[in-house]
Amino acid sequence: NSGECHVQPVDSLQDGVLWEPAFIDGNQAVRINTGHPYYHKVYIPNQK
């Protein structure tokens, strides 16, 4: 998505980890696993 160059949510990650480092269009970034319970229980209730 436009502007998504440092934090990218994804459906799953290998071994079920919550996050992993990545490079998005050459930028240092993090991919966050939205399938992890932490995302569902912490991120979603505070999305606003």
All heavy atoms as atom14 arrays in JSON, in Angstrom:
{
  "sequence": "NSGECHVQPVDSLQDGVLWEPAFIDGNQAVRINTGHPYYHKVYIPNQK",
  "atom14_mask": [
    [1, 1, 1, 1, 1, 1, 1, 1, 0, 0, 0, 0, 0, 0],
    [1, 1, 1, 1, 1, 1, 0, 0, 0, 0, 0, 0, 0, 0],
    [1, 1, 1, 1, 0, 0, 0, 0, 0, 0, 0, 0, 0, 0],
    [1, 1, 1, 1, 1, 1, 1, 1, 1, 0, 0, 0, 0, 0],
    [1, 1, 1, 1, 1, 1, 0, 0, 0, 0, 0, 0, 0, 0],
    [1, 1, 1, 1, 1, 1, 1, 1, 1, 1, 0, 0, 0, 0],
    [1, 1, 1, 1, 1, 1, 1, 0, 0, 0, 0, 0, 0, 0],
    [1, 1, 1, 1, 1, 1, 1, 1, 1, 0, 0, 0, 0, 0],
    [1, 1, 1, 1, 1, 1, 1, 0, 0, 0, 0, 0, 0, 0],
    [1, 1, 1, 1, 1, 1, 1, 0, 0, 0, 0, 0, 0, 0],
    [1, 1, 1, 1, 1, 1, 1, 1, 0, 0, 0, 0, 0, 0],
    [1, 1, 1, 1, 1, 1, 0, 0, 0, 0, 0, 0, 0, 0],
    [1, 1, 1, 1, 1, 1, 1, 1, 0, 0, 0, 0, 0, 0],
    [1, 1, 1, 1, 1, 1, 1, 1, 1, 0, 0, 0, 0, 0],
    [1, 1, 1, 1, 1, 1, 1, 1, 0, 0, 0, 0, 0, 0],
    [1, 1, 1, 1, 0, 0, 0, 0, 0, 0, 0, 0, 0, 0],
    [1, 1, 1, 1, 1, 1, 1, 0, 0, 0, 0, 0, 0, 0],
    [1, 1, 1, 1, 1, 1, 1, 1, 0, 0, 0, 0, 0, 0],
    [1, 1, 1, 1, 1, 1, 1, 1, 1, 1, 1, 1, 1, 1],
    [1, 1, 1, 1, 1, 1, 1, 1, 1, 0, 0, 0, 0, 0],
    [1, 1, 1, 1, 1, 1, 1, 0, 0, 0, 0, 0, 0, 0],
    [1, 1, 1, 1, 1, 0, 0, 0, 0, 0, 0, 0, 0, 0],
    [1, 1, 1, 1, 1, 1, 1, 1, 1, 1, 1, 0, 0, 0],
    [1, 1, 1, 1, 1, 1, 1, 1, 0, 0, 0, 0, 0, 0],
    [1, 1, 1, 1, 1, 1, 1, 1, 0, 0, 0, 0, 0, 0],
    [1, 1, 1, 1, 0, 0, 0, 0, 0, 0, 0, 0, 0, 0],
    [1, 1, 1, 1, 1, 1, 1, 1, 0, 0, 0, 0, 0, 0],
    [1, 1, 1, 1, 1, 1, 1, 1, 1, 0, 0, 0, 0, 0],
    [1, 1, 1, 1, 1, 0, 0, 0, 0, 0, 0, 0, 0, 0],
    [1, 1, 1, 1, 1, 1, 1, 0, 0, 0, 0, 0, 0, 0],
    [1, 1, 1, 1, 1, 1, 1, 1, 1, 1, 1, 0, 0, 0],
    [1, 1, 1, 1, 1, 1, 1, 1, 0, 0, 0, 0, 0, 0],
    [1, 1, 1, 1, 1, 1, 1, 1, 0, 0, 0, 0, 0, 0],
    [1, 1, 1, 1, 1, 1, 1, 0, 0, 0, 0, 0, 0, 0],
    [1, 1, 1, 1, 0, 0, 0, 0, 0, 0, 0, 0, 0, 0],
    [1, 1, 1, 1, 1, 1, 1, 1, 1, 1, 0, 0, 0, 0],
    [1, 1, 1, 1, 1, 1, 1, 0, 0, 0, 0, 0, 0, 0],
    [1, 1, 1, 1, 1, 1, 1, 1, 1, 1, 1, 1, 0, 0],
    [1, 1, 1, 1, 1, 1, 1, 1, 1, 1, 1, 1, 0, 0],
    [1, 1, 1, 1, 1, 1, 1, 1, 1, 1, 0, 0, 0, 0],
    [1, 1, 1, 1, 1, 1, 1, 1, 1, 0, 0, 0, 0, 0],
    [1, 1, 1, 1, 1, 1, 1, 0, 0, 0, 0, 0, 0, 0],
    [1, 1, 1, 1, 1, 1, 1, 1, 1, 1, 1, 1, 0, 0],
    [1, 1, 1, 1, 1, 1, 1, 1, 0, 0, 0, 0, 0, 0],
    [1, 1, 1, 1, 1, 1, 1, 0, 0, 0, 0, 0, 0, 0],
    [1, 1, 1, 1, 1, 1, 1, 1, 0, 0, 0, 0, 0, 0],
    [1, 1, 1, 1, 1, 1, 1, 1, 1, 0, 0, 0, 0, 0],
    [1, 1, 1, 1, 1, 1, 1, 1, 1, 0, 0, 0, 0, 0]
  ],
  "atom14_positions": [
    [[0.85, -1.18, 0.0], [0.0, 0.0, 0.0], [0.89, 1.23, 0.0], [2.01, 1.21, 0.52], [-0.91, 0.02, 1.24], [-1.83, -1.18, 1.3], [-2.77, -1.29, 0.54], [-1.54, -2.1, 2.23], [0.0, 0.0, 0.0], [0.0, 0.0, 0.0], [0.0, 0.0, 0.0], [0.0, 0.0, 0.0], [0.0, 0.0, 0.0], [0.0, 0.0, 0.0]],
    [[0.4, 2.29, -0.56], [1.2, 3.51, -0.66], [1.65, 3.98, 0.72], [0.87, 4.05, 1.67], [0.36, 4.61, -1.33], [1.08, 5.81, -1.39], [0.0, 0.0, 0.0], [0.0, 0.0, 0.0], [0.0, 0.0, 0.0], [0.0, 0.0, 0.0], [0.0, 0.0, 0.0], [0.0, 0.0, 0.0], [0.0, 0.0, 0.0], [0.0, 0.0, 0.0]],
    [[2.96, 4.26, 0.84], [3.52, 4.75, 2.09], [3.91, 3.66, 3.07], [4.46, 3.94, 4.13], [0.0, 0.0, 0.0], [0.0, 0.0, 0.0], [0.0, 0.0, 0.0], [0.0, 0.0, 0.0], [0.0, 0.0, 0.0], [0.0, 0.0, 0.0], [0.0, 0.0, 0.0], [0.0, 0.0, 0.0], [0.0, 0.0, 0.0], [0.0, 0.0, 0.0]],
    [[3.66, 2.4, 2.73], [3.94, 1.28, 3.64], [5.39, 0.83, 3.46], [5.67, -0.26, 2.97], [2.97, 0.14, 3.32], [2.89, -0.94, 4.38], [1.86, -1.99, 4.01], [2.16, -2.87, 3.17], [0.74, -1.92, 4.54], [0.0, 0.0, 0.0], [0.0, 0.0, 0.0], [0.0, 0.0, 0.0], [0.0, 0.0, 0.0], [0.0, 0.0, 0.0]],
    [[6.31, 1.69, 3.86], [7.72, 1.43, 3.55], [8.56, 1.01, 4.75], [9.75, 0.69, 4.58], [8.33, 2.66, 2.89], [8.08, 4.19, 3.82], [0.0, 0.0, 0.0], [0.0, 0.0, 0.0], [0.0, 0.0, 0.0], [0.0, 0.0, 0.0], [0.0, 0.0, 0.0], [0.0, 0.0, 0.0], [0.0, 0.0, 0.0], [0.0, 0.0, 0.0]],
    [[7.97, 0.99, 5.96], [8.75, 0.6, 7.15], [8.04, -0.44, 8.02], [8.7, -1.22, 8.69], [9.08, 1.83, 7.99], [9.99, 2.79, 7.32], [11.34, 2.57, 7.18], [9.73, 3.99, 6.73], [11.88, 3.58, 6.53], [10.92, 4.47, 6.24], [0.0, 0.0, 0.0], [0.0, 0.0, 0.0], [0.0, 0.0, 0.0], [0.0, 0.0, 0.0]],
    [[6.71, -0.41, 8.05], [5.92, -1.37, 8.84], [4.9, -2.0, 7.92], [4.05, -1.31, 7.35], [5.21, -0.67, 10.02], [4.42, -1.71, 10.83], [6.19, 0.06, 10.91], [0.0, 0.0, 0.0], [0.0, 0.0, 0.0], [0.0, 0.0, 0.0], [0.0, 0.0, 0.0], [0.0, 0.0, 0.0], [0.0, 0.0, 0.0], [0.0, 0.0, 0.0]],
    [[5.0, -3.32, 7.77], [4.1, -4.02, 6.85], [3.41, -5.19, 7.55], [4.08, -6.13, 7.97], [4.89, -4.54, 5.64], [4.0, -5.15, 4.56], [4.8, -5.59, 3.35], [5.43, -6.65, 3.39], [4.79, -4.77, 2.3], [0.0, 0.0, 0.0], [0.0, 0.0, 0.0], [0.0, 0.0, 0.0], [0.0, 0.0, 0.0], [0.0, 0.0, 0.0]],
    [[2.09, -5.14, 7.71], [1.37, -6.28, 8.3], [1.22, -7.41, 7.28], [0.95, -7.15, 6.1], [0.01, -5.68, 8.66], [-0.18, -4.56, 7.71], [1.19, -4.01, 7.4], [0.0, 0.0, 0.0], [0.0, 0.0, 0.0], [0.0, 0.0, 0.0], [0.0, 0.0, 0.0], [0.0, 0.0, 0.0], [0.0, 0.0, 0.0], [0.0, 0.0, 0.0]],
    [[1.4, -8.64, 7.74], [1.26, -9.82, 6.86], [0.42, -10.87, 7.6], [0.34, -10.87, 8.83], [2.62, -10.42, 6.48], [3.39, -9.45, 5.59], [3.44, -10.79, 7.7], [0.0, 0.0, 0.0], [0.0, 0.0, 0.0], [0.0, 0.0, 0.0], [0.0, 0.0, 0.0], [0.0, 0.0, 0.0], [0.0, 0.0, 0.0], [0.0, 0.0, 0.0]],
    [[-0.18, -11.78, 6.84], [-1.08, -12.77, 7.43], [-0.36, -13.76, 8.34], [-0.93, -14.24, 9.32], [-1.81, -13.54, 6.32], [-2.79, -12.67, 5.55], [-3.11, -11.58, 6.07], [-3.2, -13.07, 4.45], [0.0, 0.0, 0.0], [0.0, 0.0, 0.0], [0.0, 0.0, 0.0], [0.0, 0.0, 0.0], [0.0, 0.0, 0.0], [0.0, 0.0, 0.0]],
    [[0.86, -14.1, 8.01], [1.6, -15.08, 8.82], [3.09, -14.94, 8.57], [3.51, -14.36, 7.56], [1.15, -16.51, 8.49], [1.44, -16.83, 7.14], [0.0, 0.0, 0.0], [0.0, 0.0, 0.0], [0.0, 0.0, 0.0], [0.0, 0.0, 0.0], [0.0, 0.0, 0.0], [0.0, 0.0, 0.0], [0.0, 0.0, 0.0], [0.0, 0.0, 0.0]],
    [[3.88, -15.49, 9.5], [5.33, -15.53, 9.35], [5.81, -16.92, 9.73], [5.16, -17.64, 10.49], [6.0, -14.49, 10.26], [5.8, -13.02, 9.88], [6.4, -12.11, 10.94], [6.4, -12.71, 8.51], [0.0, 0.0, 0.0], [0.0, 0.0, 0.0], [0.0, 0.0, 0.0], [0.0, 0.0, 0.0], [0.0, 0.0, 0.0], [0.0, 0.0, 0.0]],
    [[6.95, -17.3, 9.21], [7.51, -18.62, 9.49], [7.7, -18.83, 10.99], [8.13, -17.93, 11.71], [8.86, -18.79, 8.76], [9.43, -20.2, 8.86], [10.67, -20.37, 8.0], [10.98, -19.52, 7.18], [11.37, -21.47, 8.2], [0.0, 0.0, 0.0], [0.0, 0.0, 0.0], [0.0, 0.0, 0.0], [0.0, 0.0, 0.0], [0.0, 0.0, 0.0]],
    [[7.35, -20.03, 11.45], [7.44, -20.43, 12.87], [6.49, -19.64, 13.76], [6.59, -19.7, 14.99], [8.87, -20.29, 13.4], [9.85, -21.21, 12.68], [9.42, -22.32, 12.33], [11.01, -20.82, 12.48], [0.0, 0.0, 0.0], [0.0, 0.0, 0.0], [0.0, 0.0, 0.0], [0.0, 0.0, 0.0], [0.0, 0.0, 0.0], [0.0, 0.0, 0.0]],
    [[5.57, -18.88, 13.18], [4.58, -18.17, 13.97], [5.11, -17.0, 14.76], [4.46, -16.55, 15.72], [0.0, 0.0, 0.0], [0.0, 0.0, 0.0], [0.0, 0.0, 0.0], [0.0, 0.0, 0.0], [0.0, 0.0, 0.0], [0.0, 0.0, 0.0], [0.0, 0.0, 0.0], [0.0, 0.0, 0.0], [0.0, 0.0, 0.0], [0.0, 0.0, 0.0]],
    [[6.29, -16.48, 14.39], [6.85, -15.37, 15.15], [6.0, -14.11, 14.95], [5.26, -13.99, 13.97], [8.31, -15.08, 14.75], [9.2, -16.27, 15.09], [8.41, -14.73, 13.27], [0.0, 0.0, 0.0], [0.0, 0.0, 0.0], [0.0, 0.0, 0.0], [0.0, 0.0, 0.0], [0.0, 0.0, 0.0], [0.0, 0.0, 0.0], [0.0, 0.0, 0.0]],
    [[6.12, -13.18, 15.91], [5.33, -11.95, 15.83], [5.9, -10.99, 14.79], [5.15, -10.27, 14.14], [5.29, -11.29, 17.22], [4.61, -9.92, 17.3], [3.15, -10.0, 16.86], [4.72, -9.35, 18.71], [0.0, 0.0, 0.0], [0.0, 0.0, 0.0], [0.0, 0.0, 0.0], [0.0, 0.0, 0.0], [0.0, 0.0, 0.0], [0.0, 0.0, 0.0]],
    [[7.22, -10.94, 14.66], [7.82, -10.0, 13.73], [9.11, -10.56, 13.13], [9.67, -11.53, 13.66], [8.11, -8.67, 14.43], [9.39, -8.65, 15.21], [10.61, -8.23, 14.78], [9.6, -9.1, 16.56], [11.56, -8.38, 15.76], [10.96, -8.91, 16.87], [8.78, -9.64, 17.53], [11.51, -9.24, 18.1], [9.31, -9.97, 18.77], [10.66, -9.77, 19.05]],
    [[9.54, -9.93, 12.04], [10.84, -10.24, 11.45], [11.34, -9.0, 10.72], [10.55, -8.21, 10.2], [10.76, -11.42, 10.48], [9.99, -11.14, 9.2], [10.0, -12.32, 8.23], [10.36, -13.42, 8.65], [9.62, -12.09, 7.06], [0.0, 0.0, 0.0], [0.0, 0.0, 0.0], [0.0, 0.0, 0.0], [0.0, 0.0, 0.0], [0.0, 0.0, 0.0]],
    [[12.69, -8.81, 10.68], [13.23, -7.66, 9.92], [13.11, -7.9, 8.43], [13.05, -9.04, 7.96], [14.7, -7.62, 10.38], [15.0, -9.02, 10.82], [13.72, -9.58, 11.37], [0.0, 0.0, 0.0], [0.0, 0.0, 0.0], [0.0, 0.0, 0.0], [0.0, 0.0, 0.0], [0.0, 0.0, 0.0], [0.0, 0.0, 0.0], [0.0, 0.0, 0.0]],
    [[13.03, -6.82, 7.69], [12.92, -6.91, 6.24], [13.42, -5.6, 5.64], [13.75, -4.65, 6.35], [11.47, -7.18, 5.84], [0.0, 0.0, 0.0], [0.0, 0.0, 0.0], [0.0, 0.0, 0.0], [0.0, 0.0, 0.0], [0.0, 0.0, 0.0], [0.0, 0.0, 0.0], [0.0, 0.0, 0.0], [0.0, 0.0, 0.0], [0.0, 0.0, 0.0]],
    [[13.47, -5.57, 4.31], [13.71, -4.33, 3.59], [12.54, -4.14, 2.63], [12.22, -5.04, 1.84], [15.04, -4.38, 2.81], [16.24, -4.21, 3.68], [16.86, -5.31, 4.25], [16.75, -2.93, 3.93], [17.99, -5.16, 5.05], [17.89, -2.78, 4.74], [18.5, -3.89, 5.31], [0.0, 0.0, 0.0], [0.0, 0.0, 0.0], [0.0, 0.0, 0.0]],
    [[11.89, -2.97, 2.71], [10.76, -2.67, 1.83], [11.2, -1.54, 0.9], [11.47, -0.41, 1.36], [9.5, -2.24, 2.62], [9.08, -3.35, 3.6], [8.37, -1.9, 1.66], [7.89, -2.96, 4.48], [0.0, 0.0, 0.0], [0.0, 0.0, 0.0], [0.0, 0.0, 0.0], [0.0, 0.0, 0.0], [0.0, 0.0, 0.0], [0.0, 0.0, 0.0]],
    [[11.33, -1.87, -0.37], [11.82, -0.9, -1.36], [13.12, -0.26, -0.89], [13.34, 0.95, -1.04], [10.76, 0.19, -1.62], [9.56, -0.35, -2.39], [9.69, -1.43, -3.0], [8.49, 0.29, -2.35], [0.0, 0.0, 0.0], [0.0, 0.0, 0.0], [0.0, 0.0, 0.0], [0.0, 0.0, 0.0], [0.0, 0.0, 0.0], [0.0, 0.0, 0.0]],
    [[14.0, -1.09, -0.3], [15.3, -0.63, 0.15], [15.32, 0.0, 1.53], [16.39, 0.32, 2.04], [0.0, 0.0, 0.0], [0.0, 0.0, 0.0], [0.0, 0.0, 0.0], [0.0, 0.0, 0.0], [0.0, 0.0, 0.0], [0.0, 0.0, 0.0], [0.0, 0.0, 0.0], [0.0, 0.0, 0.0], [0.0, 0.0, 0.0], [0.0, 0.0, 0.0]],
    [[14.17, 0.18, 2.16], [14.1, 0.78, 3.49], [14.14, -0.29, 4.59], [13.51, -1.35, 4.46], [12.79, 1.56, 3.65], [12.68, 2.71, 2.67], [13.42, 3.69, 2.76], [11.76, 2.58, 1.72], [0.0, 0.0, 0.0], [0.0, 0.0, 0.0], [0.0, 0.0, 0.0], [0.0, 0.0, 0.0], [0.0, 0.0, 0.0], [0.0, 0.0, 0.0]],
    [[14.88, -0.01, 5.66], [14.84, -0.91, 6.82], [13.42, -0.99, 7.34], [12.76, 0.05, 7.54], [15.78, -0.4, 7.92], [17.24, -0.66, 7.65], [18.13, -0.23, 8.81], [19.34, -0.25, 8.67], [17.56, 0.14, 9.93], [0.0, 0.0, 0.0], [0.0, 0.0, 0.0], [0.0, 0.0, 0.0], [0.0, 0.0, 0.0], [0.0, 0.0, 0.0]],
    [[12.94, -2.22, 7.55], [11.51, -2.37, 7.87], [11.28, -3.56, 8.78], [12.18, -4.37, 9.06], [10.71, -2.55, 6.57], [0.0, 0.0, 0.0], [0.0, 0.0, 0.0], [0.0, 0.0, 0.0], [0.0, 0.0, 0.0], [0.0, 0.0, 0.0], [0.0, 0.0, 0.0], [0.0, 0.0, 0.0], [0.0, 0.0, 0.0], [0.0, 0.0, 0.0]],
    [[10.03, -3.65, 9.23], [9.57, -4.78, 10.03], [8.28, -5.31, 9.41], [7.42, -4.55, 8.97], [9.33, -4.38, 11.51], [8.29, -3.27, 11.63], [8.87, -5.59, 12.32], [0.0, 0.0, 0.0], [0.0, 0.0, 0.0], [0.0, 0.0, 0.0], [0.0, 0.0, 0.0], [0.0, 0.0, 0.0], [0.0, 0.0, 0.0], [0.0, 0.0, 0.0]],
    [[8.19, -6.64, 9.34], [6.94, -7.3, 8.93], [6.3, -7.88, 10.19], [6.94, -8.62, 10.95], [7.22, -8.38, 7.9], [7.95, -7.87, 6.67], [8.3, -9.0, 5.73], [7.2, -9.39, 4.89], [6.86, -10.64, 4.58], [7.54, -11.65, 5.11], [5.87, -10.9, 3.76], [0.0, 0.0, 0.0], [0.0, 0.0, 0.0], [0.0, 0.0, 0.0]],
    [[5.04, -7.52, 10.43], [4.34, -7.92, 11.66], [3.26, -8.95, 11.32], [2.46, -8.76, 10.4], [3.7, -6.7, 12.36], [4.78, -5.67, 12.7], [2.97, -7.12, 13.64], [4.24, -4.39, 13.33], [0.0, 0.0, 0.0], [0.0, 0.0, 0.0], [0.0, 0.0, 0.0], [0.0, 0.0, 0.0], [0.0, 0.0, 0.0], [0.0, 0.0, 0.0]],
    [[3.24, -10.03, 12.1], [2.33, -11.15, 11.87], [0.96, -10.86, 12.49], [0.78, -10.92, 13.71], [2.95, -12.41, 12.49], [2.07, -13.64, 12.34], [1.05, -13.61, 11.66], [2.48, -14.73, 12.98], [0.0, 0.0, 0.0], [0.0, 0.0, 0.0], [0.0, 0.0, 0.0], [0.0, 0.0, 0.0], [0.0, 0.0, 0.0], [0.0, 0.0, 0.0]],
    [[-0.03, -10.56, 11.65], [-1.38, -10.27, 12.15], [-2.11, -11.53, 12.64], [-3.16, -11.43, 13.26], [-2.24, -9.59, 11.07], [-2.4, -10.49, 9.95], [-1.61, -8.29, 10.6], [0.0, 0.0, 0.0], [0.0, 0.0, 0.0], [0.0, 0.0, 0.0], [0.0, 0.0, 0.0], [0.0, 0.0, 0.0], [0.0, 0.0, 0.0], [0.0, 0.0, 0.0]],
    [[-1.54, -12.7, 12.36], [-2.14, -13.94, 12.84], [-1.69, -14.32, 14.25], [-2.22, -15.26, 14.84], [0.0, 0.0, 0.0], [0.0, 0.0, 0.0], [0.0, 0.0, 0.0], [0.0, 0.0, 0.0], [0.0, 0.0, 0.0], [0.0, 0.0, 0.0], [0.0, 0.0, 0.0], [0.0, 0.0, 0.0], [0.0, 0.0, 0.0], [0.0, 0.0, 0.0]],
    [[-0.75, -13.57, 14.8], [-0.28, -13.84, 16.16], [-1.29, -13.29, 17.17], [-1.83, -12.2, 16.98], [1.09, -13.16, 16.37], [1.81, -13.61, 17.6], [1.44, -13.19, 18.86], [2.87, -14.44, 17.77], [2.25, -13.74, 19.76], [3.13, -14.51, 19.12], [0.0, 0.0, 0.0], [0.0, 0.0, 0.0], [0.0, 0.0, 0.0], [0.0, 0.0, 0.0]],
    [[-1.58, -14.03, 18.25], [-2.57, -13.57, 19.23], [-2.26, -12.19, 19.81], [-3.17, -11.44, 20.17], [-2.52, -14.64, 20.32], [-2.04, -15.87, 19.63], [-1.1, -15.4, 18.58], [0.0, 0.0, 0.0], [0.0, 0.0, 0.0], [0.0, 0.0, 0.0], [0.0, 0.0, 0.0], [0.0, 0.0, 0.0], [0.0, 0.0, 0.0], [0.0, 0.0, 0.0]],
    [[-0.97, -11.84, 19.89], [-0.61, -10.52, 20.42], [-1.2, -9.41, 19.54], [-1.68, -8.39, 20.05], [0.91, -10.39, 20.48], [1.41, -9.11, 21.12], [1.59, -9.03, 22.49], [1.69, -7.98, 20.33], [2.05, -7.85, 23.08], [2.14, -6.81, 20.91], [2.31, -6.75, 22.29], [2.76, -5.58, 22.86], [0.0, 0.0, 0.0], [0.0, 0.0, 0.0]],
    [[-1.16, -9.62, 18.26], [-1.72, -8.62, 17.35], [-3.22, -8.48, 17.57], [-3.77, -7.37, 17.65], [-1.43, -8.99, 15.89], [-1.64, -7.84, 14.93], [-0.58, -7.01, 14.58], [-2.89, -7.58, 14.39], [-0.76, -5.93, 13.7], [-3.09, -6.52, 13.52], [-2.03, -5.69, 13.19], [-2.21, -4.62, 12.35], [0.0, 0.0, 0.0], [0.0, 0.0, 0.0]],
    [[-3.9, -9.62, 17.7], [-5.36, -9.62, 17.87], [-5.76, -9.02, 19.2], [-6.74, -8.28, 19.29], [-5.86, -11.07, 17.76], [-7.34, -11.2, 17.93], [-8.26, -10.58, 17.1], [-8.08, -11.9, 18.84], [-9.48, -10.88, 17.49], [-9.4, -11.67, 18.54], [0.0, 0.0, 0.0], [0.0, 0.0, 0.0], [0.0, 0.0, 0.0], [0.0, 0.0, 0.0]],
    [[-5.0, -9.32, 20.27], [-5.39, -8.9, 21.61], [-4.87, -7.52, 22.0], [-5.4, -6.89, 22.91], [-4.87, -9.93, 22.64], [-5.51, -11.32, 22.56], [-6.93, -11.3, 23.12], [-7.47, -12.7, 23.32], [-6.92, -13.38, 24.48], [0.0, 0.0, 0.0], [0.0, 0.0, 0.0], [0.0, 0.0, 0.0], [0.0, 0.0, 0.0], [0.0, 0.0, 0.0]],
    [[-3.8, -7.04, 21.35], [-3.2, -5.77, 21.74], [-3.36, -4.7, 20.66], [-3.81, -3.58, 20.94], [-1.71, -5.95, 22.09], [-1.07, -4.61, 22.46], [-1.56, -6.93, 23.27], [0.0, 0.0, 0.0], [0.0, 0.0, 0.0], [0.0, 0.0, 0.0], [0.0, 0.0, 0.0], [0.0, 0.0, 0.0], [0.0, 0.0, 0.0], [0.0, 0.0, 0.0]],
    [[-3.01, -5.03, 19.43], [-3.13, -4.04, 18.36], [-4.59, -3.7, 18.05], [-4.97, -2.52, 17.99], [-2.45, -4.55, 17.09], [-1.0, -4.17, 16.94], [0.01, -5.04, 17.32], [-0.64, -2.94, 16.41], [1.36, -4.7, 17.18], [0.7, -2.58, 16.25], [1.69, -3.47, 16.64], [3.01, -3.11, 16.51], [0.0, 0.0, 0.0], [0.0, 0.0, 0.0]],
    [[-5.4, -4.73, 17.81], [-6.77, -4.49, 17.35], [-7.6, -3.66, 18.34], [-8.27, -2.71, 17.95], [-7.47, -5.82, 17.03], [-6.78, -6.5, 15.83], [-8.96, -5.61, 16.72], [-6.79, -5.67, 14.56], [0.0, 0.0, 0.0], [0.0, 0.0, 0.0], [0.0, 0.0, 0.0], [0.0, 0.0, 0.0], [0.0, 0.0, 0.0], [0.0, 0.0, 0.0]],
    [[-7.58, -3.96, 19.65], [-8.38, -3.13, 20.58], [-7.92, -1.67, 20.63], [-8.68, -0.8, 21.04], [-8.16, -3.81, 21.94], [-7.73, -5.19, 21.63], [-6.95, -5.09, 20.36], [0.0, 0.0, 0.0], [0.0, 0.0, 0.0], [0.0, 0.0, 0.0], [0.0, 0.0, 0.0], [0.0, 0.0, 0.0], [0.0, 0.0, 0.0], [0.0, 0.0, 0.0]],
    [[-6.67, -1.41, 20.22], [-6.13, -0.04, 20.3], [-5.98, 0.6, 18.93], [-5.26, 1.6, 18.79], [-4.78, -0.06, 21.01], [-4.9, -0.44, 22.47], [-5.44, 0.32, 23.27], [-4.41, -1.63, 22.83], [0.0, 0.0, 0.0], [0.0, 0.0, 0.0], [0.0, 0.0, 0.0], [0.0, 0.0, 0.0], [0.0, 0.0, 0.0], [0.0, 0.0, 0.0]],
    [[-6.65, 0.05, 17.93], [-6.45, 0.53, 16.56], [-6.84, 1.99, 16.38], [-6.32, 2.66, 15.49], [-7.25, -0.34, 15.59], [-8.75, -0.34, 15.83], [-9.48, -1.23, 14.85], [-9.65, -0.88, 13.7], [-9.9, -2.4, 15.31], [0.0, 0.0, 0.0], [0.0, 0.0, 0.0], [0.0, 0.0, 0.0], [0.0, 0.0, 0.0], [0.0, 0.0, 0.0]],
    [[-7.74, 2.5, 17.22], [-8.17, 3.9, 17.07], [-7.25, 4.87, 17.79], [-7.43, 6.07, 17.7], [-9.61, 4.04, 17.57], [-10.62, 3.26, 16.74], [-12.03, 3.4, 17.29], [-13.01, 2.56, 16.47], [-14.39, 2.63, 17.04], [0.0, 0.0, 0.0], [0.0, 0.0, 0.0], [0.0, 0.0, 0.0], [0.0, 0.0, 0.0], [0.0, 0.0, 0.0]]
  ]
}
